[in-house]
Amino acid sequence: MRRQGNSAGGEYRDITSVVMAEKKSFALRIDAETMKAIEKWAADEFRSVNGQIEWMLHKGLKDAGRLKKEEKKKGGTV
């Protein structure tokens, strides 16, 4: 993942190490049919399989109300 930096210089800053430090790794056993469906869905959404699984888990947690509520931003409205 790269974030655009100075537009005049066209520099980019690599933030992969920051993102990776916040994630945990684990093995996942999944049946072949489910994996094939996830691979297809990921391809349709232009995501990696890992990215698709992360998105699915996050959406499931959000929909079930299992995520911490985000703090109100200063000066923002609710």
Foldseek 3Di string as FASTA:
>chain_A
DWDFDDPVVRDIDDCVVVVVVPDDDDDDDDDPVVLVVLCVVCVVVVHHSVVSVVVVVVVVCVVVVNDDDDDDDVPDDD
